[in-house]
Amino acid sequence: MSIIAEVLNTANEAEMLSLPKKMSEISQAVSHLRTGVKELMEVKYLRLLQGNDNTNLVEKGNEVAENIKDLQTRLFQQTHTEASTVAEELRSMTESLIEARIMCDICKKLVAIDDEFRKALHDQEHQRYFSAAQHISNIEEMLSRDDTELEFLTIFEALRNQSSGNYNRFSSEALKIWKTEVSWINCQLDSGRKTFSLQVSKPKDLLENLIKTLNLYGVCEPQIYYFSTSLNTDVLIPCIEGCVTITIKHNTVNSVLSIVSVVDDTPPVSSVLENLTKVFEFLHELLDIDIDESRNFISELGLHLADKFVSQLVRESLSEAIPSRWQDLRNYEDLVRRISEFNALLRRIKFLPDGCDQLEKFCGNVEEQFLNKMIERYLSRAREISFMNLQDMTPYYTEPEEPGSYQTFDSGKSKKDTIVLFTELPNDFGKFPSCHISKSVRDLMALVKEILNDCVSGIYPMPNTALKLFCTARDCINLYVEITPVIHIKLLESLPQQSALFHNNCFYIAHELITLNEPYRTKYSDQVMRAMGTFVDMVSYVRAQGTKILEFQVSKQNDMLVDIVSRSGLSTLAEQDVPPMLEKSLRQCLHQLSFLETMWLTVLPSHVYNKIIGQLCNSLLEDIITKVCLTKDIKEATATHLVRLFGYVQESLPTLFEEPKEVHRHIKKWAKFTELIHILNGSLAEIGDRWADGKGPLALEFTAEQVRQLIKALFQVSDRRSAILSRIK
């Protein structure tokens, strides 16, 4: 200090001399403040005792901070005006002052935290829940700042625990009170009826205070979700789906909305709208509360519920009210006005988000709704028809055609060729062959004609009506032929008669489509004519759908017969006598064919039935012939046994047809099978006579190599065998 006193020559000498004294006073004040704050914090947050009021510490802290600020200003001025000889001492005082300021700031923050704790407890006790939550939030913010030195203090963890404890306790209390003030009550009445009540306490200010508090504590969203779920499940859905009674009661303490289910019958739309209006007006009156500056409780409910609620309302109630008759459309316009008013209510209370415009669209075009509803009902009836039992059938009779008026069929030689593509119709397209069809297909065609009658009636003034109805008629047909195989897939695969009926149904539809347009062609609108309205283009597709199903069944039956023969032991004749399974297998094949006769004879058109049974018999005989021809050694007893078994087959197969004597027309391998029996049962001379130098009946069915192979298998080596073999070339 003596050095400074000697060099001071200006008016700042007195100021300079007072700085050390002021610095000492501030240091003492900071020390006293630190001691007081430390004692307060230790008592309250370490010992968890009731501490003294911190008002004195707050005042001291503010006073010390002000003195430090003033001294900092004076030091700054002296640093820039004094000579370099005193700069070191000034810098030392500045550093000491900075330390004092830091300590003072820490003490002030601790006192501020304690003050927030005190205010939070006070507000919580006086039911100022949101204010208490704000104080707790302030504490959390102060403790979590990165620019403070609090985390290095011993007291920091205790403060953190105290804050967390208050946070959890206060949020739990607020949540408990909210559930008390806004509660759902469920009650089971007699006769299976239920009542649901929503009880909301008054006043609205308390509810808003609570919801803001829950939002600040981060537990608001689960409560909104729970409330929206209960509202939808217990109130809105019952109002839409059943007849209910809604009552609202008000008293000085709370208001109660009760909903009682009366009956499960579908309520009229007017009642639905009336009940829903009561519900939303109740919500707006009592729960129109703000969650924060940008969110409202009802608007948040809308974010959770609006799209789902409006969709269900339109789908299950409003859409059902659309009339099916044009004459009723005028009365429906009054209902549309009420729907618009309900939509306006939802908009006014901010339940509907900006993008939820289903009700506006629903009310936008009444005539378009009517047309869409009519089309929807037609398609719905077509779906119902598709679900009907195919087995519920009815006969379709027609005059018998002249012989030869149907196309003939070449079954071919290979297994691949045995699959028939049933794409032929009788040559006379004006008649459909006698068969059985499902009753449902008659219902389908009656529906299509009903749609076409509406199409040409001209009673609907909406644009595109005729074209849309015409397309709907086509859609009904497509719907039937496409989804019926999916709906009845198991029955179509497992029951031969079902597949035959679906085949007939498709061919009947195709037959009807050829002339379906004729009664309406001159009545179609220009719009339909420009769109080339016709059904003929669908004929091939519809037939193909029926063909595919029956073709699959025929292939399945064919594979079944082949599998039975493969397990009969017919391929092992050279190794043993006639296998015991052979007779059983042949009888099983005949039994299966007889079963198919029962299923198909009266159901399928006769020419289709003959082709199918003919191809299955042909496949069976071809398999038998092939296996016998490949056998290298057939004993005489075996041949005799085979003749007996094959004779039984020869007697049974003709009975499968309406005209047994015409069996050779339907089974191409019939003559070959007959010749095989002659070979097995004949002598060398008889075989030679039937060969007749390649001109006899045997030569028409077997090649020379096949006949030679059979002779070698049946007869032992001898001069006569050699002579016969030499003649067969």
Foldseek 3Di string as FASTA:
>chain_A
DVVLQVPDDDPCNVVVVCLVVLLVVLVVLLVVLLVVLVVQLCQCQVVVHDGDDCPVSLVSLVVSLVSLVVSLVSLVVCCVPDDPVCNVVSVVSNVSSVVSNLSSVVSNLSSLLVVLVVVLVVCVVVLQLLSSLVSLVVNVVSLPDPPHPLVVDPSSVSSVVVSVVCLVVSLVVLVVVLCVQWDKDKDADPPRKIKIKTKHWDDLVSNLSSLLNNVSSVNNVVVLVVVLVCCVPVPLVCLQQADWDWDWDDDNTIIMIMIIGDDRDGDALVSSLVRVVVVLVVCLVRQQHANDPPGTSLLSSLVVPVQVSVVCNVPRHVLVPQDQDPVCLVVVLVVLVSLVVSVVSCVVSNSHDPPPCPSVVPSVDSLVSNLVSNLVVLLVVLVVLLLDDFVQKDKDADDDDDPPQWDADDQDDDPVSLQDQPPTAGPPLVDHFIFMAHPSLVVLVVSLVVLLCVLLVPPRPDPCSNVVSLVSSVVSLVVNLPCSCVNCVVCLQPPLLSLLRLLSSLQVVLSCQVCVCPVCVVRHDPVCVVVVRGRNVCNVVSNNSSSVSNSNNLVVLLVVLLVLQVPQCLLVQQPDARDPSNLVSLVVNLVSLVVVLVSGVRHHRQVVQLQSSQSSVQSNLSSNLVSLLPHQAHELVRLVVVLVSLVVVLVRSLVSHPGSVCSCSRHVCNLVSVVVSCLSPDDLVSNLVQCVLLPHSNNVRDALVSSLSSLSRYDPDDPSNVVSNVSRD
